[in-house]
C-alpha atoms as a PDB file:
ATOM      1  CA  UNK A   1      59.852 -22.790   6.561  1.00  0.00           C
ATOM      2  CA  UNK A   2      56.399 -22.078   5.244  1.00  0.00           C
ATOM      3  CA  UNK A   3      53.615 -24.170   6.714  1.00  0.00           C
ATOM      4  CA  UNK A   4      51.714 -26.171   4.100  1.00  0.00           C
ATOM      5  CA  UNK A   5      47.936 -25.950   4.014  1.00  0.00           C
ATOM      6  CA  UNK A   6      46.199 -29.235   4.466  1.00  0.00           C
ATOM      7  CA  UNK A   7      42.544 -30.053   3.982  1.00  0.00           C
ATOM      8  CA  UNK A   8      41.862 -29.217   7.628  1.00  0.00           C
ATOM      9  CA  UNK A   9      43.207 -25.670   7.248  1.00  0.00           C
ATOM     10  CA  UNK A  10      40.665 -24.352   4.756  1.00  0.00           C
ATOM     11  CA  UNK A  11      39.090 -21.019   5.568  1.00  0.00           C
ATOM     12  CA  UNK A  12      35.481 -21.336   6.744  1.00  0.00           C
ATOM     13  CA  UNK A  13      32.840 -20.483   4.164  1.00  0.00           C
ATOM     14  CA  UNK A  14      31.371 -17.096   5.148  1.00  0.00           C
ATOM     15  CA  UNK A  15      27.691 -17.032   6.024  1.00  0.00           C
ATOM     16  CA  UNK A  16      25.456 -15.378   3.432  1.00  0.00           C
ATOM     17  CA  UNK A  17      24.862 -11.728   4.216  1.00  0.00           C
ATOM     18  CA  UNK A  18      21.397 -10.567   5.274  1.00  0.00           C
ATOM     19  CA  UNK A  19      19.272  -8.912   2.591  1.00  0.00           C
ATOM     20  CA  UNK A  20      17.394  -5.721   3.460  1.00  0.00           C
ATOM     21  CA  UNK A  21      14.647  -4.314   1.260  1.00  0.00           C
ATOM     22  CA  UNK A  22      12.507  -1.254   1.769  1.00  0.00           C
ATOM     23  CA  UNK A  23       9.160  -0.759  -0.040  1.00  0.00           C
ATOM     24  CA  UNK A  24       7.062   2.421   0.176  1.00  0.00           C
ATOM     25  CA  UNK A  25       3.477   2.498   1.360  1.00  0.00           C
ATOM     26  CA  UNK A  26       0.937   4.440  -0.699  1.00  0.00           C
ATOM     27  CA  UNK A  27      -1.760   7.063  -0.386  1.00  0.00           C
ATOM     28  CA  UNK A  28      -4.606   6.927  -2.899  1.00  0.00           C
ATOM     29  CA  UNK A  29      -6.005  10.265  -3.986  1.00  0.00           C
ATOM     30  CA  UNK A  30      -8.851   8.784  -6.024  1.00  0.00           C
ATOM     31  CA  UNK A  31     -10.180   5.631  -7.623  1.00  0.00           C
ATOM     32  CA  UNK A  32      -9.603   2.994  -4.968  1.00  0.00           C
ATOM     33  CA  UNK A  33     -11.825  -0.139  -4.995  1.00  0.00           C
ATOM     34  CA  UNK A  34     -12.127   0.129  -8.793  1.00  0.00           C
ATOM     35  CA  UNK A  35      -9.012  -2.053  -9.043  1.00  0.00           C
ATOM     36  CA  UNK A  36     -10.910  -5.105  -7.788  1.00  0.00           C
ATOM     37  CA  UNK A  37     -11.701  -7.488 -10.635  1.00  0.00           C
ATOM     38  CA  UNK A  38     -14.272  -7.416 -12.210  1.00  0.00           C
ATOM     39  CA  UNK A  39     -15.518  -4.053 -10.895  1.00  0.00           C
ATOM     40  CA  UNK A  40     -13.499  -2.057 -13.419  1.00  0.00           C
ATOM     41  CA  UNK A  41     -15.017  -4.188 -16.190  1.00  0.00           C
ATOM     42  CA  UNK A  42     -18.405  -2.715 -15.250  1.00  0.00           C
ATOM     43  CA  UNK A  43     -17.065   0.869 -15.256  1.00  0.00           C
ATOM     44  CA  UNK A  44     -15.060   1.738 -18.389  1.00  0.00           C
ATOM     45  CA  UNK A  45     -12.392   4.378 -17.909  1.00  0.00           C
ATOM     46  CA  UNK A  46     -11.562   3.236 -14.371  1.00  0.00           C
ATOM     47  CA  UNK A  47      -8.282   4.594 -13.051  1.00  0.00           C
ATOM     48  CA  UNK A  48      -6.680   4.687  -9.631  1.00  0.00           C
ATOM     49  CA  UNK A  49      -4.428   7.617  -8.742  1.00  0.00           C
ATOM     50  CA  UNK A  50      -1.923   7.214  -5.931  1.00  0.00           C
ATOM     51  CA  UNK A  51       1.482   8.304  -4.648  1.00  0.00           C
ATOM     52  CA  UNK A  52       4.338   6.422  -2.977  1.00  0.00           C
ATOM     53  CA  UNK A  53       5.164   7.548   0.554  1.00  0.00           C
ATOM     54  CA  UNK A  54       8.607   7.758   2.085  1.00  0.00           C
ATOM     55  CA  UNK A  55       7.083   5.876   4.980  1.00  0.00           C
ATOM     56  CA  UNK A  56       6.922   2.194   4.222  1.00  0.00           C
ATOM     57  CA  UNK A  57       7.983  -1.312   5.166  1.00  0.00           C
ATOM     58  CA  UNK A  58      11.570  -2.460   5.686  1.00  0.00           C
ATOM     59  CA  UNK A  59      12.422  -6.123   6.064  1.00  0.00           C
ATOM     60  CA  UNK A  60      15.628  -8.042   6.664  1.00  0.00           C
ATOM     61  CA  UNK A  61      15.945 -11.569   5.267  1.00  0.00           C
ATOM     62  CA  UNK A  62      18.638 -13.723   6.849  1.00  0.00           C
ATOM     63  CA  UNK A  63      19.554 -16.855   4.847  1.00  0.00           C
ATOM     64  CA  UNK A  64      19.998 -19.865   7.095  1.00  0.00           C
ATOM     65  CA  UNK A  65      18.092 -18.176   9.909  1.00  0.00           C
ATOM     66  CA  UNK A  66      15.606 -21.061  10.136  1.00  0.00           C
ATOM     67  CA  UNK A  67      15.839 -24.828   9.586  1.00  0.00           C
ATOM     68  CA  UNK A  68      15.248 -26.154   6.048  1.00  0.00           C
ATOM     69  CA  UNK A  69      11.549 -26.115   5.230  1.00  0.00           C
ATOM     70  CA  UNK A  70      10.823 -23.397   7.804  1.00  0.00           C
ATOM     71  CA  UNK A  71      10.632 -19.590   7.869  1.00  0.00           C
ATOM     72  CA  UNK A  72      11.094 -17.600  11.075  1.00  0.00           C
ATOM     73  CA  UNK A  73       9.033 -14.392  11.092  1.00  0.00           C
ATOM     74  CA  UNK A  74       9.605 -11.617  13.625  1.00  0.00           C
ATOM     75  CA  UNK A  75       8.126  -8.128  13.872  1.00  0.00           C
ATOM     76  CA  UNK A  76       7.878  -5.339  16.464  1.00  0.00           C
ATOM     77  CA  UNK A  77       4.152  -5.961  16.953  1.00  0.00           C
ATOM     78  CA  UNK A  78       4.003  -9.732  17.540  1.00  0.00           C
ATOM     79  CA  UNK A  79       5.904 -12.648  19.023  1.00  0.00           C
ATOM     80  CA  UNK A  80       8.269 -14.552  16.686  1.00  0.00           C
ATOM     81  CA  UNK A  81       6.613 -17.385  14.796  1.00  0.00           C
ATOM     82  CA  UNK A  82       8.143 -20.292  12.912  1.00  0.00           C
ATOM     83  CA  UNK A  83       6.213 -21.145   9.762  1.00  0.00           C
ATOM     84  CA  UNK A  84       5.984 -24.151   7.506  1.00  0.00           C
ATOM     85  CA  UNK A  85       4.564 -24.486   4.009  1.00  0.00           C
ATOM     86  CA  UNK A  86       1.266 -25.582   5.551  1.00  0.00           C
ATOM     87  CA  UNK A  87       0.854 -22.084   7.008  1.00  0.00           C
ATOM     88  CA  UNK A  88       0.613 -20.481   3.547  1.00  0.00           C
ATOM     89  CA  UNK A  89      -3.227 -20.386   3.489  1.00  0.00           C
ATOM     90  CA  UNK A  90      -3.380 -18.089   6.518  1.00  0.00           C
ATOM     91  CA  UNK A  91      -0.030 -16.270   6.833  1.00  0.00           C
ATOM     92  CA  UNK A  92       1.253 -13.861   4.174  1.00  0.00           C
ATOM     93  CA  UNK A  93       4.910 -14.496   4.992  1.00  0.00           C
ATOM     94  CA  UNK A  94       4.478 -18.216   4.339  1.00  0.00           C
ATOM     95  CA  UNK A  95       2.300 -17.625   1.268  1.00  0.00           C
ATOM     96  CA  UNK A  96       4.900 -15.416  -0.428  1.00  0.00           C
ATOM     97  CA  UNK A  97       8.070 -16.904   1.052  1.00  0.00           C
ATOM     98  CA  UNK A  98       7.431 -20.550   0.240  1.00  0.00           C
ATOM     99  CA  UNK A  99       6.096 -19.691  -3.223  1.00  0.00           C
ATOM    100  CA  UNK A 100       9.367 -17.990  -4.180  1.00  0.00           C
ATOM    101  CA  UNK A 101      11.766 -20.030  -2.021  1.00  0.00           C
ATOM    102  CA  UNK A 102      10.096 -23.458  -1.673  1.00  0.00           C
ATOM    103  CA  UNK A 103      12.869 -24.864   0.521  1.00  0.00           C
ATOM    104  CA  UNK A 104      12.506 -22.045   3.082  1.00  0.00           C
ATOM    105  CA  UNK A 105      15.379 -21.994   5.564  1.00  0.00           C
ATOM    106  CA  UNK A 106      15.472 -18.251   6.216  1.00  0.00           C
ATOM    107  CA  UNK A 107      14.384 -15.692   8.794  1.00  0.00           C
ATOM    108  CA  UNK A 108      12.403 -12.533   8.037  1.00  0.00           C
ATOM    109  CA  UNK A 109      12.485  -9.586  10.407  1.00  0.00           C
ATOM    110  CA  UNK A 110      10.149  -6.622   9.944  1.00  0.00           C
ATOM    111  CA  UNK A 111      12.195  -3.558  10.880  1.00  0.00           C
ATOM    112  CA  UNK A 112       9.734  -0.790   9.977  1.00  0.00           C
ATOM    113  CA  UNK A 113       6.050  -0.724   9.117  1.00  0.00           C
ATOM    114  CA  UNK A 114       3.074   1.663   9.222  1.00  0.00           C
ATOM    115  CA  UNK A 115       0.415   1.011  11.863  1.00  0.00           C
ATOM    116  CA  UNK A 116      -1.705  -2.094  11.357  1.00  0.00           C
ATOM    117  CA  UNK A 117      -4.970  -1.059   9.706  1.00  0.00           C
ATOM    118  CA  UNK A 118      -3.506   2.256   8.501  1.00  0.00           C
ATOM    119  CA  UNK A 119      -5.197   2.131   5.089  1.00  0.00           C
ATOM    120  CA  UNK A 120      -1.824   2.782   3.413  1.00  0.00           C
ATOM    121  CA  UNK A 121      -1.391  -0.617   1.788  1.00  0.00           C
ATOM    122  CA  UNK A 122       1.096  -1.797   4.419  1.00  0.00           C
ATOM    123  CA  UNK A 123       0.423  -5.515   3.979  1.00  0.00           C
ATOM    124  CA  UNK A 124       0.981  -5.227   0.232  1.00  0.00           C
ATOM    125  CA  UNK A 125       4.165  -3.199   0.751  1.00  0.00           C
ATOM    126  CA  UNK A 126       5.357  -5.967   3.088  1.00  0.00           C
ATOM    127  CA  UNK A 127       4.556  -8.577   0.439  1.00  0.00           C
ATOM    128  CA  UNK A 128       6.551  -6.580  -2.119  1.00  0.00           C
ATOM    129  CA  UNK A 129       9.541  -6.133   0.207  1.00  0.00           C
ATOM    130  CA  UNK A 130       9.555  -9.834   1.117  1.00  0.00           C
ATOM    131  CA  UNK A 131       9.194 -10.901  -2.525  1.00  0.00           C
ATOM    132  CA  UNK A 132      12.075  -8.686  -3.648  1.00  0.00           C
ATOM    133  CA  UNK A 133      14.270 -10.075  -0.861  1.00  0.00           C
ATOM    134  CA  UNK A 134      13.352 -13.661  -1.802  1.00  0.00           C
ATOM    135  CA  UNK A 135      14.072 -13.005  -5.466  1.00  0.00           C
ATOM    136  CA  UNK A 136      17.462 -11.505  -4.583  1.00  0.00           C
ATOM    137  CA  UNK A 137      18.205 -14.570  -2.474  1.00  0.00           C
ATOM    138  CA  UNK A 138      17.369 -16.783  -5.468  1.00  0.00           C
ATOM    139  CA  UNK A 139      19.139 -14.462  -7.964  1.00  0.00           C
ATOM    140  CA  UNK A 140      15.894 -14.242  -9.937  1.00  0.00           C
ATOM    141  CA  UNK A 141      13.924 -11.491 -11.575  1.00  0.00           C
ATOM    142  CA  UNK A 142      10.193 -11.392 -12.256  1.00  0.00           C
ATOM    143  CA  UNK A 143       8.546  -8.738 -14.476  1.00  0.00           C
ATOM    144  CA  UNK A 144       6.570  -6.152 -12.524  1.00  0.00           C
ATOM    145  CA  UNK A 145       3.146  -7.113 -13.898  1.00  0.00           C
ATOM    146  CA  UNK A 146       3.717 -10.803 -13.172  1.00  0.00           C
ATOM    147  CA  UNK A 147       4.914 -10.066  -9.656  1.00  0.00           C
ATOM    148  CA  UNK A 148       1.856  -7.889  -8.999  1.00  0.00           C
ATOM    149  CA  UNK A 149      -0.453 -10.666 -10.191  1.00  0.00           C
ATOM    150  CA  UNK A 150       1.338 -13.221  -8.014  1.00  0.00           C
ATOM    151  CA  UNK A 151       1.215 -11.092  -4.854  1.00  0.00           C
ATOM    152  CA  UNK A 152      -2.406 -10.084  -5.448  1.00  0.00           C
ATOM    153  CA  UNK A 153      -3.424 -13.737  -5.677  1.00  0.00           C
ATOM    154  CA  UNK A 154      -1.337 -14.831  -2.682  1.00  0.00           C
ATOM    155  CA  UNK A 155      -2.765 -12.034  -0.515  1.00  0.00           C
ATOM    156  CA  UNK A 156      -6.343 -12.742  -1.648  1.00  0.00           C
ATOM    157  CA  UNK A 157      -5.931 -16.376  -0.622  1.00  0.00           C
ATOM    158  CA  UNK A 158      -4.701 -15.374   2.841  1.00  0.00           C
ATOM    159  CA  UNK A 159      -7.402 -12.728   3.380  1.00  0.00           C
ATOM    160  CA  UNK A 160     -10.199 -14.827   1.922  1.00  0.00           C
ATOM    161  CA  UNK A 161     -11.442 -11.712   0.111  1.00  0.00           C
ATOM    162  CA  UNK A 162     -10.923  -9.986  -3.263  1.00  0.00           C
ATOM    163  CA  UNK A 163      -7.771  -7.894  -3.551  1.00  0.00           C
ATOM    164  CA  UNK A 164      -6.857  -5.274  -6.130  1.00  0.00           C
ATOM    165  CA  UNK A 165      -3.577  -4.151  -7.655  1.00  0.00           C
ATOM    166  CA  UNK A 166      -3.233  -0.506  -6.673  1.00  0.00           C
ATOM    167  CA  UNK A 167      -1.151  -1.133  -3.524  1.00  0.00           C
ATOM    168  CA  UNK A 168       1.619  -3.080  -5.252  1.00  0.00           C
ATOM    169  CA  UNK A 169       2.605  -0.648  -8.001  1.00  0.00           C
ATOM    170  CA  UNK A 170       3.652   2.278  -5.751  1.00  0.00           C
ATOM    171  CA  UNK A 171       5.613  -0.197  -3.608  1.00  0.00           C
ATOM    172  CA  UNK A 172       7.394  -1.530  -6.693  1.00  0.00           C
ATOM    173  CA  UNK A 173       7.765   1.627  -8.776  1.00  0.00           C
ATOM    174  CA  UNK A 174       7.480   4.667  -6.503  1.00  0.00           C
ATOM    175  CA  UNK A 175       6.322   8.097  -7.676  1.00  0.00           C
ATOM    176  CA  UNK A 176       2.893   9.419  -8.609  1.00  0.00           C
ATOM    177  CA  UNK A 177       0.969   6.873 -10.639  1.00  0.00           C
ATOM    178  CA  UNK A 178      -2.261   6.540 -12.585  1.00  0.00           C
ATOM    179  CA  UNK A 179      -3.163   2.863 -12.836  1.00  0.00           C
ATOM    180  CA  UNK A 180      -5.501   2.505 -15.801  1.00  0.00           C
ATOM    181  CA  UNK A 181      -7.694  -0.551 -15.279  1.00  0.00           C
ATOM    182  CA  UNK A 182      -8.347  -1.887 -18.750  1.00  0.00           C
ATOM    183  CA  UNK A 183      -9.639  -5.139 -20.248  1.00  0.00           C
ATOM    184  CA  UNK A 184      -6.794  -7.636 -20.376  1.00  0.00           C
ATOM    185  CA  UNK A 185      -4.678  -5.978 -17.713  1.00  0.00           C
ATOM    186  CA  UNK A 186      -3.753  -2.699 -16.097  1.00  0.00           C
ATOM    187  CA  UNK A 187      -1.635   0.017 -17.697  1.00  0.00           C
ATOM    188  CA  UNK A 188       0.554   2.040 -15.355  1.00  0.00           C
ATOM    189  CA  UNK A 189       1.249   5.693 -16.136  1.00  0.00           C
ATOM    190  CA  UNK A 190       3.924   7.611 -14.259  1.00  0.00           C
ATOM    191  CA  UNK A 191       2.431  11.083 -13.917  1.00  0.00           C
ATOM    192  CA  UNK A 192       4.597  14.011 -15.071  1.00  0.00           C
ATOM    193  CA  UNK A 193       4.196  16.032 -11.875  1.00  0.00           C
ATOM    194  CA  UNK A 194       6.853  17.121  -9.387  1.00  0.00           C
ATOM    195  CA  UNK A 195       6.552  15.183  -6.143  1.00  0.00           C
ATOM    196  CA  UNK A 196       7.541  18.324  -4.231  1.00  0.00           C
ATOM    197  CA  UNK A 197       4.474  20.073  -5.703  1.00  0.00           C
ATOM    198  CA  UNK A 198       2.264  17.299  -4.302  1.00  0.00           C
ATOM    199  CA  UNK A 199       4.079  17.297  -0.942  1.00  0.00           C
ATOM    200  CA  UNK A 200       3.270  20.982  -0.446  1.00  0.00           C
ATOM    201  CA  UNK A 201      -0.447  20.241  -0.767  1.00  0.00           C
ATOM    202  CA  UNK A 202      -0.830  16.842   0.870  1.00  0.00           C
ATOM    203  CA  UNK A 203      -1.602  16.069   4.514  1.00  0.00           C
ATOM    204  CA  UNK A 204      -2.066  12.521   5.813  1.00  0.00           C
ATOM    205  CA  UNK A 205      -2.979  11.702   9.399  1.00  0.00           C
ATOM    206  CA  UNK A 206      -3.576   8.355  11.051  1.00  0.00           C
ATOM    207  CA  UNK A 207      -6.981   8.594  12.712  1.00  0.00           C
ATOM    208  CA  UNK A 208      -6.144   6.223  15.542  1.00  0.00           C
ATOM    209  CA  UNK A 209      -8.936   3.932  14.309  1.00  0.00           C
ATOM    210  CA  UNK A 210      -7.808   0.691  12.671  1.00  0.00           C
ATOM    211  CA  UNK A 211      -9.827  -0.880   9.894  1.00  0.00           C
ATOM    212  CA  UNK A 212     -10.145  -4.120   7.973  1.00  0.00           C
ATOM    213  CA  UNK A 213      -9.978  -3.064   4.325  1.00  0.00           C
ATOM    214  CA  UNK A 214     -10.769  -6.513   2.959  1.00  0.00           C
ATOM    215  CA  UNK A 215     -14.094  -6.663   4.740  1.00  0.00           C
ATOM    216  CA  UNK A 216     -15.112  -3.115   3.728  1.00  0.00           C
ATOM    217  CA  UNK A 217     -14.204  -3.840   0.109  1.00  0.00           C
ATOM    218  CA  UNK A 218     -16.069  -7.151   0.234  1.00  0.00           C
ATOM    219  CA  UNK A 219     -19.267  -5.352   1.279  1.00  0.00           C
ATOM    220  CA  UNK A 220     -18.941  -3.007  -1.718  1.00  0.00           C
ATOM    221  CA  UNK A 221     -17.900  -5.815  -4.061  1.00  0.00           C
ATOM    222  CA  UNK A 222     -20.816  -8.023  -3.128  1.00  0.00           C
ATOM    223  CA  UNK A 223     -23.331  -5.196  -3.554  1.00  0.00           C
ATOM    224  CA  UNK A 224     -21.982  -4.153  -6.975  1.00  0.00           C
ATOM    225  CA  UNK A 225     -21.757  -7.690  -8.358  1.00  0.00           C
ATOM    226  CA  UNK A 226     -25.264  -8.239  -7.025  1.00  0.00           C
ATOM    227  CA  UNK A 227     -26.548  -5.365  -9.177  1.00  0.00           C
ATOM    228  CA  UNK A 228     -27.058  -2.666  -6.528  1.00  0.00           C
ATOM    229  CA  UNK A 229     -27.870   0.436  -8.611  1.00  0.00           C
ATOM    230  CA  UNK A 230     -26.950   2.825  -5.782  1.00  0.00           C
ATOM    231  CA  UNK A 231     -23.447   1.361  -5.484  1.00  0.00           C
ATOM    232  CA  UNK A 232     -23.050   1.300  -9.279  1.00  0.00           C
ATOM    233  CA  UNK A 233     -23.918   4.991  -9.456  1.00  0.00           C
ATOM    234  CA  UNK A 234     -21.433   5.871  -6.725  1.00  0.00           C
ATOM    235  CA  UNK A 235     -18.680   3.933  -8.498  1.00  0.00           C
ATOM    236  CA  UNK A 236     -19.453   5.795 -11.725  1.00  0.00           C
ATOM    237  CA  UNK A 237     -18.897   9.048  -9.826  1.00  0.00           C
ATOM    238  CA  UNK A 238     -15.611   7.712  -8.439  1.00  0.00           C
ATOM    239  CA  UNK A 239     -14.477   6.942 -12.007  1.00  0.00           C
ATOM    240  CA  UNK A 240     -15.191  10.567 -12.987  1.00  0.00           C
ATOM    241  CA  UNK A 241     -13.483  11.956  -9.881  1.00  0.00           C
ATOM    242  CA  UNK A 242     -10.367   9.837 -10.416  1.00  0.00           C
ATOM    243  CA  UNK A 243     -10.085  10.943 -14.045  1.00  0.00           C
ATOM    244  CA  UNK A 244     -10.426  14.575 -12.935  1.00  0.00           C
ATOM    245  CA  UNK A 245      -7.789  14.034 -10.243  1.00  0.00           C
ATOM    246  CA  UNK A 246      -5.353  12.660 -12.797  1.00  0.00           C
ATOM    247  CA  UNK A 247      -5.943  15.633 -15.118  1.00  0.00           C
ATOM    248  CA  UNK A 248      -5.493  18.061 -12.242  1.00  0.00           C
ATOM    249  CA  UNK A 249      -2.133  16.549 -11.295  1.00  0.00           C
ATOM    250  CA  UNK A 250      -0.893  16.521 -14.883  1.00  0.00           C
ATOM    251  CA  UNK A 251      -1.953  20.169 -15.303  1.00  0.00           C
ATOM    252  CA  UNK A 252      -0.638  21.156 -11.840  1.00  0.00           C
ATOM    253  CA  UNK A 253      -4.097  22.576 -11.106  1.00  0.00           C
ATOM    254  CA  UNK A 254      -4.305  22.415  -7.323  1.00  0.00           C
ATOM    255  CA  UNK A 255      -7.953  23.461  -7.141  1.00  0.00           C
ATOM    256  CA  UNK A 256      -9.005  20.813  -9.679  1.00  0.00           C
ATOM    257  CA  UNK A 257      -7.256  18.130  -7.618  1.00  0.00           C
ATOM    258  CA  UNK A 258      -8.975  19.426  -4.491  1.00  0.00           C
ATOM    259  CA  UNK A 259     -12.400  19.299  -6.125  1.00  0.00           C
ATOM    260  CA  UNK A 260     -11.698  15.764  -7.346  1.00  0.00           C
ATOM    261  CA  UNK A 261     -10.656  14.530  -3.889  1.00  0.00           C
ATOM    262  CA  UNK A 262     -13.811  16.032  -2.365  1.00  0.00           C
ATOM    263  CA  UNK A 263     -16.015  14.509  -5.085  1.00  0.00           C
ATOM    264  CA  UNK A 264     -14.361  11.112  -4.666  1.00  0.00           C
ATOM    265  CA  UNK A 265     -15.155  11.047  -0.952  1.00  0.00           C
ATOM    266  CA  UNK A 266     -18.713  12.288  -1.466  1.00  0.00           C
ATOM    267  CA  UNK A 267     -19.284   9.275  -3.707  1.00  0.00           C
ATOM    268  CA  UNK A 268     -17.215   6.781  -1.694  1.00  0.00           C
ATOM    269  CA  UNK A 269     -19.042   7.378   1.572  1.00  0.00           C
ATOM    270  CA  UNK A 270     -22.243   6.206  -0.152  1.00  0.00           C
ATOM    271  CA  UNK A 271     -20.754   2.839  -1.152  1.00  0.00           C
ATOM    272  CA  UNK A 272     -21.418   1.126   2.183  1.00  0.00           C
ATOM    273  CA  UNK A 273     -22.193   2.087   5.797  1.00  0.00           C
ATOM    274  CA  UNK A 274     -18.792   0.714   6.919  1.00  0.00           C
ATOM    275  CA  UNK A 275     -16.855   3.219   4.774  1.00  0.00           C
ATOM    276  CA  UNK A 276     -17.262   6.076   7.255  1.00  0.00           C
ATOM    277  CA  UNK A 277     -18.330   6.855  10.809  1.00  0.00           C
ATOM    278  CA  UNK A 278     -18.864   9.837  13.059  1.00  0.00           C
ATOM    279  CA  UNK A 279     -15.252   9.929  14.274  1.00  0.00           C
ATOM    280  CA  UNK A 280     -13.847  10.010  10.735  1.00  0.00           C
ATOM    281  CA  UNK A 281     -16.345  12.629   9.621  1.00  0.00           C
ATOM    282  CA  UNK A 282     -15.384  14.862  12.567  1.00  0.00           C
ATOM    283  CA  UNK A 283     -11.701  14.736  11.573  1.00  0.00           C
ATOM    284  CA  UNK A 284     -12.496  15.404   7.917  1.00  0.00           C
ATOM    285  CA  UNK A 285     -14.769  18.315   8.821  1.00  0.00           C
ATOM    286  CA  UNK A 286     -12.048  19.820  11.015  1.00  0.00           C
ATOM    287  CA  UNK A 287      -9.503  19.628   8.201  1.00  0.00           C
ATOM    288  CA  UNK A 288     -11.864  21.171   5.662  1.00  0.00           C
ATOM    289  CA  UNK A 289     -12.806  23.844   8.190  1.00  0.00           C
ATOM    290  CA  UNK A 290      -9.117  24.739   8.520  1.00  0.00           C
ATOM    291  CA  UNK A 291      -8.813  25.307   4.789  1.00  0.00           C
ATOM    292  CA  UNK A 292      -8.463  21.950   3.028  1.00  0.00           C
ATOM    293  CA  UNK A 293     -10.190  21.727  -0.355  1.00  0.00           C
ATOM    294  CA  UNK A 294     -11.169  18.156   0.341  1.00  0.00           C
ATOM    295  CA  UNK A 295     -10.378  15.064   2.336  1.00  0.00           C
ATOM    296  CA  UNK A 296     -11.011  11.336   2.217  1.00  0.00           C
ATOM    297  CA  UNK A 297     -10.159   8.084   3.913  1.00  0.00           C
ATOM    298  CA  UNK A 298      -7.220   6.238   2.404  1.00  0.00           C
ATOM    299  CA  UNK A 299      -7.919   2.776   1.061  1.00  0.00           C
ATOM    300  CA  UNK A 300     -11.316   1.240   1.713  1.00  0.00           C
ATOM    301  CA  UNK A 301     -12.211   3.554   4.593  1.00  0.00           C
ATOM    302  CA  UNK A 302     -13.803   2.684   7.899  1.00  0.00           C
ATOM    303  CA  UNK A 303     -10.754   3.964   9.780  1.00  0.00           C
ATOM    304  CA  UNK A 304      -7.057   4.083   9.118  1.00  0.00           C
ATOM    305  CA  UNK A 305      -5.493   7.197   7.601  1.00  0.00           C
ATOM    306  CA  UNK A 306      -7.167  10.303   6.231  1.00  0.00           C
ATOM    307  CA  UNK A 307      -5.830  12.343   3.342  1.00  0.00           C
ATOM    308  CA  UNK A 308      -6.369  16.084   2.840  1.00  0.00           C
ATOM    309  CA  UNK A 309      -5.585  18.141  -0.245  1.00  0.00           C
ATOM    310  CA  UNK A 310      -4.794  21.686   0.866  1.00  0.00           C
ATOM    311  CA  UNK A 311      -3.753  25.040  -0.620  1.00  0.00           C
ATOM    312  CA  UNK A 312       0.002  25.571  -0.520  1.00  0.00           C
ATOM    313  CA  UNK A 313       0.836  27.166   2.813  1.00  0.00           C
ATOM    314  CA  UNK A 314      -2.088  25.621   4.735  1.00  0.00           C
ATOM    315  CA  UNK A 315      -0.542  22.252   5.555  1.00  0.00           C
ATOM    316  CA  UNK A 316       0.334  23.000   9.175  1.00  0.00           C
ATOM    317  CA  UNK A 317      -3.080  24.494   9.995  1.00  0.00           C
ATOM    318  CA  UNK A 318      -5.010  21.630   8.429  1.00  0.00           C
ATOM    319  CA  UNK A 319      -2.846  19.005  10.092  1.00  0.00           C
ATOM    320  CA  UNK A 320      -3.209  20.610  13.512  1.00  0.00           C
ATOM    321  CA  UNK A 321      -6.991  20.881  13.162  1.00  0.00           C
ATOM    322  CA  UNK A 322      -7.342  17.276  12.055  1.00  0.00           C
ATOM    323  CA  UNK A 323      -5.230  15.950  14.907  1.00  0.00           C
ATOM    324  CA  UNK A 324      -7.107  18.071  17.444  1.00  0.00           C
ATOM    325  CA  UNK A 325     -10.371  16.459  16.296  1.00  0.00           C
ATOM    326  CA  UNK A 326      -8.974  12.914  16.360  1.00  0.00           C
ATOM    327  CA  UNK A 327      -8.942  10.427  19.188  1.00  0.00           C
ATOM    328  CA  UNK A 328      -5.909   9.296  21.169  1.00  0.00           C
ATOM    329  CA  UNK A 329      -3.323   7.531  19.054  1.00  0.00           C
ATOM    330  CA  UNK A 330      -3.664   9.826  16.037  1.00  0.00           C
ATOM    331  CA  UNK A 331      -0.531  11.277  14.456  1.00  0.00           C
ATOM    332  CA  UNK A 332       0.710  12.830  11.231  1.00  0.00           C
ATOM    333  CA  UNK A 333       1.820  10.245   8.674  1.00  0.00           C
ATOM    334  CA  UNK A 334       3.134  12.577   5.997  1.00  0.00           C
ATOM    335  CA  UNK A 335       6.931  12.647   5.819  1.00  0.00           C
ATOM    336  CA  UNK A 336       7.319  13.143   2.093  1.00  0.00           C
ATOM    337  CA  UNK A 337       6.974  11.132  -1.101  1.00  0.00           C
ATOM    338  CA  UNK A 338       9.473   8.987  -2.954  1.00  0.00           C
ATOM    339  CA  UNK A 339      10.153   8.379  -6.617  1.00  0.00           C
ATOM    340  CA  UNK A 340      11.866   5.111  -5.772  1.00  0.00           C
ATOM    341  CA  UNK A 341      10.164   1.754  -5.446  1.00  0.00           C
ATOM    342  CA  UNK A 342      11.268  -1.326  -3.526  1.00  0.00           C
ATOM    343  CA  UNK A 343      15.035  -1.363  -3.178  1.00  0.00           C
ATOM    344  CA  UNK A 344      17.940  -2.367  -0.988  1.00  0.00           C
ATOM    345  CA  UNK A 345      18.660   0.703   1.202  1.00  0.00           C
ATOM    346  CA  UNK A 346      21.698   2.626  -0.009  1.00  0.00           C
ATOM    347  CA  UNK A 347      21.886   0.793  -3.364  1.00  0.00           C
ATOM    348  CA  UNK A 348      20.626   1.598  -6.819  1.00  0.00           C
END
């Protein structure tokens, strides 16, 4: 005789499945710092050129992994911390998480991330990965431009310093991008260049020196807004170099890109004393001496990762020379580019 099912025999409700999202970091070939409002308003034609790296940030969000009104954050580099909404002013996880999921009640685990202070936009890639996971949890979608504006503002509040937009677009969209910084909002152009062509000519190494990009950018920002003619002139040169870099990529002119990268750094290193130092210059000189057309610090400079644009076939030599000139803790970052932005691994 079949056994009847009473109310006490119901199958347990399965726990929600964890949500994993991976977002690429970025390397900027030219035009960084121009994306800080209102700097681009002072320099018409501003554009930032960058590429999305296969290396990035991967997070796992576990619904129900923290009590209601709390978020549990864990990462390989720090002890677990339980956050409340009151932590939003000084912790990016709380700032983004509670904005998108006000009731909290989940755990966030950082599974992969570039080195802290790498100059590859890691904090912004984390913000993108966390935001996409939160939106999936809430079954919501937010247009790319609105999400960029939200994350920029949340991160600026946490850092207590101006933040730009260039780090978020590669994390969201992938590929090689030219971010045109125009009155009323940025316009994002996906460059018609094969990523494999860029990969053959791009070397990125972590210098072993961490940096605080917000503070370097703040020094430049304050000088330019204050009317420093020397900084204004250097930013004008960066605008020209970034435009030339974009043209070189579109035309697949490797020498033009190399000249643009070199010109960008020549101008950038004059923006503020904190942009460069003797250790960075030694690594850059070693890479150029081994055949690179040009090199520069990624992001604001002062440390972090260094980018070299090299003739096809010279990658290994340039990378070896740069690492030999670097201090302990340096390593090659480059492991390819990606055309894919933030996504759940294994899903389209």
